[in-house]
Amino acid sequence: MTTPPDSEVLIRGGTIYDGSGAAPSTGDVAIAGDSIVAVGPSLTGKGAREIDATGLAVTAVTSDKMFVI
């Protein structure tokens, strides 16, 4: 397990598409400010806001560095 730095938003359990063309994976994404600070299969720790993305696609919008659920 990976512990993210303090995060404002922690998206949990989504199907992550990283834009590389690789197969998607299920995991968590931690965001602080306008930066993605951690991505992993099961991040520990808490976010100020947590979003359950189980069953949803999560992908980066590269022009804005944000995730879309």
PDB file of N, CA and C in Angstrom:
ATOM      1  N   MET A   1       0.834  -1.189   0.000  1.00  0.00           N
ATOM      2  CA  MET A   1       0.000   0.000   0.000  1.00  0.00           C
ATOM      3  C   MET A   1       0.874   1.245   0.000  1.00  0.00           C
ATOM      4  N   THR A   2       0.360   2.281  -0.578  1.00  0.00           N
ATOM      5  CA  THR A   2       1.077   3.546  -0.667  1.00  0.00           C
ATOM      6  C   THR A   2       0.344   4.604   0.133  1.00  0.00           C
ATOM      7  N   THR A   3       1.079   5.398   0.885  1.00  0.00           N
ATOM      8  CA  THR A   3       0.479   6.504   1.623  1.00  0.00           C
ATOM      9  C   THR A   3       0.714   7.789   0.846  1.00  0.00           C
ATOM     10  N   PRO A   4      -0.366   8.441   0.380  1.00  0.00           N
ATOM     11  CA  PRO A   4      -0.172   9.686  -0.360  1.00  0.00           C
ATOM     12  C   PRO A   4       0.168  10.826   0.580  1.00  0.00           C
ATOM     13  N   PRO A   5       0.792  11.876   0.053  1.00  0.00           N
ATOM     14  CA  PRO A   5       0.936  13.085   0.858  1.00  0.00           C
ATOM     15  C   PRO A   5      -0.462  13.591   1.206  1.00  0.00           C
ATOM     16  N   ASP A   6      -0.539  14.582   2.089  1.00  0.00           N
ATOM     17  CA  ASP A   6      -1.852  15.142   2.400  1.00  0.00           C
ATOM     18  C   ASP A   6      -2.565  15.464   1.100  1.00  0.00           C
ATOM     19  N   SER A   7      -3.797  15.009   0.987  1.00  0.00           N
ATOM     20  CA  SER A   7      -4.526  15.264  -0.253  1.00  0.00           C
ATOM     21  C   SER A   7      -5.841  15.956   0.052  1.00  0.00           C
ATOM     22  N   GLU A   8      -6.225  16.819  -0.847  1.00  0.00           N
ATOM     23  CA  GLU A   8      -7.504  17.500  -0.718  1.00  0.00           C
ATOM     24  C   GLU A   8      -8.630  16.596  -1.185  1.00  0.00           C
ATOM     25  N   VAL A   9      -8.353  15.835  -2.240  1.00  0.00           N
ATOM     26  CA  VAL A   9      -9.357  14.929  -2.803  1.00  0.00           C
ATOM     27  C   VAL A   9      -8.727  13.558  -2.964  1.00  0.00           C
ATOM     28  N   LEU A  10      -9.434  12.531  -2.526  1.00  0.00           N
ATOM     29  CA  LEU A  10      -8.993  11.152  -2.705  1.00  0.00           C
ATOM     30  C   LEU A  10     -10.111  10.407  -3.413  1.00  0.00           C
ATOM     31  N   ILE A  11      -9.854  10.013  -4.650  1.00  0.00           N
ATOM     32  CA  ILE A  11     -10.825   9.267  -5.448  1.00  0.00           C
ATOM     33  C   ILE A  11     -10.504   7.793  -5.250  1.00  0.00           C
ATOM     34  N   ARG A  12     -11.465   7.029  -4.758  1.00  0.00           N
ATOM     35  CA  ARG A  12     -11.217   5.632  -4.399  1.00  0.00           C
ATOM     36  C   ARG A  12     -11.959   4.653  -5.303  1.00  0.00           C
ATOM     37  N   GLY A  13     -11.253   3.587  -5.680  1.00  0.00           N
ATOM     38  CA  GLY A  13     -11.885   2.432  -6.309  1.00  0.00           C
ATOM     39  C   GLY A  13     -12.353   2.597  -7.739  1.00  0.00           C
ATOM     40  N   GLY A  14     -11.866   3.609  -8.442  1.00  0.00           N
ATOM     41  CA  GLY A  14     -12.286   3.818  -9.822  1.00  0.00           C
ATOM     42  C   GLY A  14     -11.484   2.979 -10.797  1.00  0.00           C
ATOM     43  N   THR A  15     -11.995   2.839 -12.008  1.00  0.00           N
ATOM     44  CA  THR A  15     -11.261   2.196 -13.083  1.00  0.00           C
ATOM     45  C   THR A  15     -10.439   3.288 -13.755  1.00  0.00           C
ATOM     46  N   ILE A  16      -9.117   3.225 -13.580  1.00  0.00           N
ATOM     47  CA  ILE A  16      -8.228   4.296 -13.999  1.00  0.00           C
ATOM     48  C   ILE A  16      -7.701   4.040 -15.409  1.00  0.00           C
ATOM     49  N   TYR A  17      -7.937   5.007 -16.285  1.00  0.00           N
ATOM     50  CA  TYR A  17      -7.385   5.014 -17.639  1.00  0.00           C
ATOM     51  C   TYR A  17      -6.305   6.092 -17.650  1.00  0.00           C
ATOM     52  N   ASP A  18      -5.042   5.684 -17.862  1.00  0.00           N
ATOM     53  CA  ASP A  18      -3.955   6.662 -17.742  1.00  0.00           C
ATOM     54  C   ASP A  18      -3.571   7.350 -19.050  1.00  0.00           C
ATOM     55  N   GLY A  19      -4.234   7.003 -20.134  1.00  0.00           N
ATOM     56  CA  GLY A  19      -3.974   7.658 -21.405  1.00  0.00           C
ATOM     57  C   GLY A  19      -2.802   7.089 -22.183  1.00  0.00           C
ATOM     58  N   SER A  20      -2.149   6.065 -21.650  1.00  0.00           N
ATOM     59  CA  SER A  20      -0.986   5.487 -22.323  1.00  0.00           C
ATOM     60  C   SER A  20      -1.370   4.415 -23.334  1.00  0.00           C
ATOM     61  N   GLY A  21      -2.623   3.994 -23.314  1.00  0.00           N
ATOM     62  CA  GLY A  21      -3.051   2.887 -24.155  1.00  0.00           C
ATOM     63  C   GLY A  21      -2.990   1.555 -23.437  1.00  0.00           C
ATOM     64  N   ALA A  22      -2.435   1.556 -22.224  1.00  0.00           N
ATOM     65  CA  ALA A  22      -2.377   0.333 -21.416  1.00  0.00           C
ATOM     66  C   ALA A  22      -3.778  -0.021 -20.914  1.00  0.00           C
ATOM     67  N   ALA A  23      -3.951  -1.250 -20.517  1.00  0.00           N
ATOM     68  CA  ALA A  23      -5.232  -1.679 -19.953  1.00  0.00           C
ATOM     69  C   ALA A  23      -5.531  -0.867 -18.698  1.00  0.00           C
ATOM     70  N   PRO A  24      -6.800  -0.562 -18.446  1.00  0.00           N
ATOM     71  CA  PRO A  24      -7.146   0.184 -17.234  1.00  0.00           C
ATOM     72  C   PRO A  24      -6.897  -0.657 -15.989  1.00  0.00           C
ATOM     73  N   SER A  25      -6.748   0.016 -14.858  1.00  0.00           N
ATOM     74  CA  SER A  25      -6.578  -0.679 -13.586  1.00  0.00           C
ATOM     75  C   SER A  25      -7.515  -0.060 -12.559  1.00  0.00           C
ATOM     76  N   THR A  26      -7.859  -0.834 -11.558  1.00  0.00           N
ATOM     77  CA  THR A  26      -8.712  -0.333 -10.486  1.00  0.00           C
ATOM     78  C   THR A  26      -7.818   0.230  -9.398  1.00  0.00           C
ATOM     79  N   GLY A  27      -8.137   1.437  -8.920  1.00  0.00           N
ATOM     80  CA  GLY A  27      -7.302   2.025  -7.884  1.00  0.00           C
ATOM     81  C   GLY A  27      -7.792   3.369  -7.411  1.00  0.00           C
ATOM     82  N   ASP A  28      -6.889   4.054  -6.729  1.00  0.00           N
ATOM     83  CA  ASP A  28      -7.182   5.326  -6.087  1.00  0.00           C
ATOM     84  C   ASP A  28      -6.295   6.422  -6.670  1.00  0.00           C
ATOM     85  N   VAL A  29      -6.777   7.658  -6.611  1.00  0.00           N
ATOM     86  CA  VAL A  29      -6.029   8.813  -7.081  1.00  0.00           C
ATOM     87  C   VAL A  29      -6.118   9.898  -6.008  1.00  0.00           C
ATOM     88  N   ALA A  30      -4.965  10.416  -5.583  1.00  0.00           N
ATOM     89  CA  ALA A  30      -4.915  11.503  -4.598  1.00  0.00           C
ATOM     90  C   ALA A  30      -4.554  12.799  -5.306  1.00  0.00           C
ATOM     91  N   ILE A  31      -5.268  13.873  -4.971  1.00  0.00           N
ATOM     92  CA  ILE A  31      -5.063  15.176  -5.598  1.00  0.00           C
ATOM     93  C   ILE A  31      -4.856  16.220  -4.506  1.00  0.00           C
ATOM     94  N   ALA A  32      -3.833  17.065  -4.690  1.00  0.00           N
ATOM     95  CA  ALA A  32      -3.582  18.195  -3.789  1.00  0.00           C
ATOM     96  C   ALA A  32      -3.407  19.425  -4.666  1.00  0.00           C
ATOM     97  N   GLY A  33      -4.192  20.452  -4.409  1.00  0.00           N
ATOM     98  CA  GLY A  33      -4.148  21.644  -5.255  1.00  0.00           C
ATOM     99  C   GLY A  33      -4.556  21.269  -6.660  1.00  0.00           C
ATOM    100  N   ASP A  34      -3.703  21.578  -7.623  1.00  0.00           N
ATOM    101  CA  ASP A  34      -4.010  21.217  -9.005  1.00  0.00           C
ATOM    102  C   ASP A  34      -3.110  20.098  -9.505  1.00  0.00           C
ATOM    103  N   SER A  35      -2.561  19.307  -8.557  1.00  0.00           N
ATOM    104  CA  SER A  35      -1.636  18.232  -8.923  1.00  0.00           C
ATOM    105  C   SER A  35      -2.114  16.866  -8.460  1.00  0.00           C
ATOM    106  N   ILE A  36      -1.872  15.881  -9.288  1.00  0.00           N
ATOM    107  CA  ILE A  36      -2.075  14.489  -8.907  1.00  0.00           C
ATOM    108  C   ILE A  36      -0.839  14.102  -8.113  1.00  0.00           C
ATOM    109  N   VAL A  37      -1.011  13.715  -6.847  1.00  0.00           N
ATOM    110  CA  VAL A  37       0.145  13.443  -5.993  1.00  0.00           C
ATOM    111  C   VAL A  37       0.399  11.962  -5.777  1.00  0.00           C
ATOM    112  N   ALA A  38      -0.588  11.116  -6.062  1.00  0.00           N
ATOM    113  CA  ALA A  38      -0.382   9.667  -5.926  1.00  0.00           C
ATOM    114  C   ALA A  38      -1.467   8.923  -6.686  1.00  0.00           C
ATOM    115  N   VAL A  39      -1.062   7.798  -7.271  1.00  0.00           N
ATOM    116  CA  VAL A  39      -1.988   6.879  -7.928  1.00  0.00           C
ATOM    117  C   VAL A  39      -1.557   5.489  -7.515  1.00  0.00           C
ATOM    118  N   GLY A  40      -2.485   4.665  -7.078  1.00  0.00           N
ATOM    119  CA  GLY A  40      -2.119   3.313  -6.675  1.00  0.00           C
ATOM    120  C   GLY A  40      -3.334   2.439  -6.485  1.00  0.00           C
ATOM    121  N   PRO A  41      -3.088   1.142  -6.350  1.00  0.00           N
ATOM    122  CA  PRO A  41      -4.203   0.197  -6.240  1.00  0.00           C
ATOM    123  C   PRO A  41      -4.988   0.328  -4.941  1.00  0.00           C
ATOM    124  N   SER A  42      -4.357   0.803  -3.887  1.00  0.00           N
ATOM    125  CA  SER A  42      -5.052   0.914  -2.600  1.00  0.00           C
ATOM    126  C   SER A  42      -4.303   1.908  -1.714  1.00  0.00           C
ATOM    127  N   LEU A  43      -4.530   3.200  -1.938  1.00  0.00           N
ATOM    128  CA  LEU A  43      -3.840   4.224  -1.160  1.00  0.00           C
ATOM    129  C   LEU A  43      -4.386   4.251   0.260  1.00  0.00           C
ATOM    130  N   THR A  44      -3.491   4.418   1.216  1.00  0.00           N
ATOM    131  CA  THR A  44      -3.926   4.566   2.610  1.00  0.00           C
ATOM    132  C   THR A  44      -4.011   6.054   2.906  1.00  0.00           C
ATOM    133  N   GLY A  45      -4.503   6.384   4.051  1.00  0.00           N
ATOM    134  CA  GLY A  45      -4.625   7.782   4.418  1.00  0.00           C
ATOM    135  C   GLY A  45      -6.003   8.325   4.087  1.00  0.00           C
ATOM    136  N   LYS A  46      -6.170   9.598   4.318  1.00  0.00           N
ATOM    137  CA  LYS A  46      -7.460  10.254   4.130  1.00  0.00           C
ATOM    138  C   LYS A  46      -7.308  11.471   3.238  1.00  0.00           C
ATOM    139  N   GLY A  47      -8.372  11.807   2.551  1.00  0.00           N
ATOM    140  CA  GLY A  47      -8.447  13.055   1.814  1.00  0.00           C
ATOM    141  C   GLY A  47      -9.451  13.944   2.520  1.00  0.00           C
ATOM    142  N   ALA A  48      -9.298  15.246   2.375  1.00  0.00           N
ATOM    143  CA  ALA A  48     -10.276  16.161   2.961  1.00  0.00           C
ATOM    144  C   ALA A  48     -11.662  15.870   2.378  1.00  0.00           C
ATOM    145  N   ARG A  49     -11.676  15.473   1.114  1.00  0.00           N
ATOM    146  CA  ARG A  49     -12.902  15.032   0.449  1.00  0.00           C
ATOM    147  C   ARG A  49     -12.591  13.699  -0.194  1.00  0.00           C
ATOM    148  N   GLU A  50     -13.436  12.704   0.033  1.00  0.00           N
ATOM    149  CA  GLU A  50     -13.237  11.391  -0.570  1.00  0.00           C
ATOM    150  C   GLU A  50     -14.411  11.071  -1.476  1.00  0.00           C
ATOM    151  N   ILE A  51     -14.097  10.531  -2.642  1.00  0.00           N
ATOM    152  CA  ILE A  51     -15.113  10.196  -3.630  1.00  0.00           C
ATOM    153  C   ILE A  51     -15.043   8.698  -3.899  1.00  0.00           C
ATOM    154  N   ASP A  52     -16.162   8.006  -3.765  1.00  0.00           N
ATOM    155  CA  ASP A  52     -16.240   6.582  -4.095  1.00  0.00           C
ATOM    156  C   ASP A  52     -16.516   6.467  -5.587  1.00  0.00           C
ATOM    157  N   ALA A  53     -15.526   6.013  -6.339  1.00  0.00           N
ATOM    158  CA  ALA A  53     -15.661   5.899  -7.787  1.00  0.00           C
ATOM    159  C   ALA A  53     -15.839   4.448  -8.231  1.00  0.00           C
ATOM    160  N   THR A  54     -16.247   3.587  -7.320  1.00  0.00           N
ATOM    161  CA  THR A  54     -16.465   2.186  -7.666  1.00  0.00           C
ATOM    162  C   THR A  54     -17.419   2.083  -8.848  1.00  0.00           C
ATOM    163  N   GLY A  55     -16.990   1.358  -9.878  1.00  0.00           N
ATOM    164  CA  GLY A  55     -17.817   1.168 -11.058  1.00  0.00           C
ATOM    165  C   GLY A  55     -17.771   2.327 -12.048  1.00  0.00           C
ATOM    166  N   LEU A  56     -16.935   3.344 -11.765  1.00  0.00           N
ATOM    167  CA  LEU A  56     -16.849   4.512 -12.635  1.00  0.00           C
ATOM    168  C   LEU A  56     -15.459   4.603 -13.264  1.00  0.00           C
ATOM    169  N   ALA A  57     -15.378   5.218 -14.438  1.00  0.00           N
ATOM    170  CA  ALA A  57     -14.095   5.444 -15.101  1.00  0.00           C
ATOM    171  C   ALA A  57     -13.476   6.729 -14.568  1.00  0.00           C
ATOM    172  N   VAL A  58     -12.170   6.699 -14.347  1.00  0.00           N
ATOM    173  CA  VAL A  58     -11.421   7.873 -13.894  1.00  0.00           C
ATOM    174  C   VAL A  58     -10.279   8.083 -14.882  1.00  0.00           C
ATOM    175  N   THR A  59     -10.187   9.275 -15.451  1.00  0.00           N
ATOM    176  CA  THR A  59      -9.136   9.557 -16.412  1.00  0.00           C
ATOM    177  C   THR A  59      -8.707  11.011 -16.308  1.00  0.00           C
ATOM    178  N   ALA A  60      -7.470  11.274 -16.642  1.00  0.00           N
ATOM    179  CA  ALA A  60      -6.961  12.646 -16.598  1.00  0.00           C
ATOM    180  C   ALA A  60      -7.364  13.389 -17.859  1.00  0.00           C
ATOM    181  N   VAL A  61      -7.697  14.635 -17.691  1.00  0.00           N
ATOM    182  CA  VAL A  61      -7.893  15.539 -18.823  1.00  0.00           C
ATOM    183  C   VAL A  61      -6.587  16.307 -18.900  1.00  0.00           C
ATOM    184  N   THR A  62      -5.725  15.932 -19.825  1.00  0.00           N
ATOM    185  CA  THR A  62      -4.352  16.423 -19.822  1.00  0.00           C
ATOM    186  C   THR A  62      -4.224  17.931 -19.964  1.00  0.00           C
ATOM    187  N   SER A  63      -5.141  18.584 -20.598  1.00  0.00           N
ATOM    188  CA  SER A  63      -5.014  20.021 -20.764  1.00  0.00           C
ATOM    189  C   SER A  63      -5.249  20.784 -19.468  1.00  0.00           C
ATOM    190  N   ASP A  64      -6.009  20.194 -18.545  1.00  0.00           N
ATOM    191  CA  ASP A  64      -6.327  20.870 -17.287  1.00  0.00           C
ATOM    192  C   ASP A  64      -5.766  20.156 -16.062  1.00  0.00           C
ATOM    193  N   LYS A  65      -5.101  19.028 -16.240  1.00  0.00           N
ATOM    194  CA  LYS A  65      -4.579  18.219 -15.127  1.00  0.00           C
ATOM    195  C   LYS A  65      -5.655  17.890 -14.107  1.00  0.00           C
ATOM    196  N   MET A  66      -6.834  17.570 -14.559  1.00  0.00           N
ATOM    197  CA  MET A  66      -7.887  17.190 -13.639  1.00  0.00           C
ATOM    198  C   MET A  66      -8.410  15.815 -14.017  1.00  0.00           C
ATOM    199  N   PHE A  67      -9.088  15.189 -13.095  1.00  0.00           N
ATOM    200  CA  PHE A  67      -9.655  13.873 -13.345  1.00  0.00           C
ATOM    201  C   PHE A  67     -11.139  14.009 -13.592  1.00  0.00           C
ATOM    202  N   VAL A  68     -11.646  13.170 -14.453  1.00  0.00           N
ATOM    203  CA  VAL A  68     -13.075  13.148 -14.770  1.00  0.00           C
ATOM    204  C   VAL A  68     -13.617  11.804 -14.298  1.00  0.00           C
ATOM    205  N   ILE A  69     -14.731  11.859 -13.589  1.00  0.00           N
ATOM    206  CA  ILE A  69     -15.356  10.636 -13.104  1.00  0.00           C
ATOM    207  C   ILE A  69     -16.633  10.422 -13.860  1.00  0.00           C
TER     208      ILE A  69
END
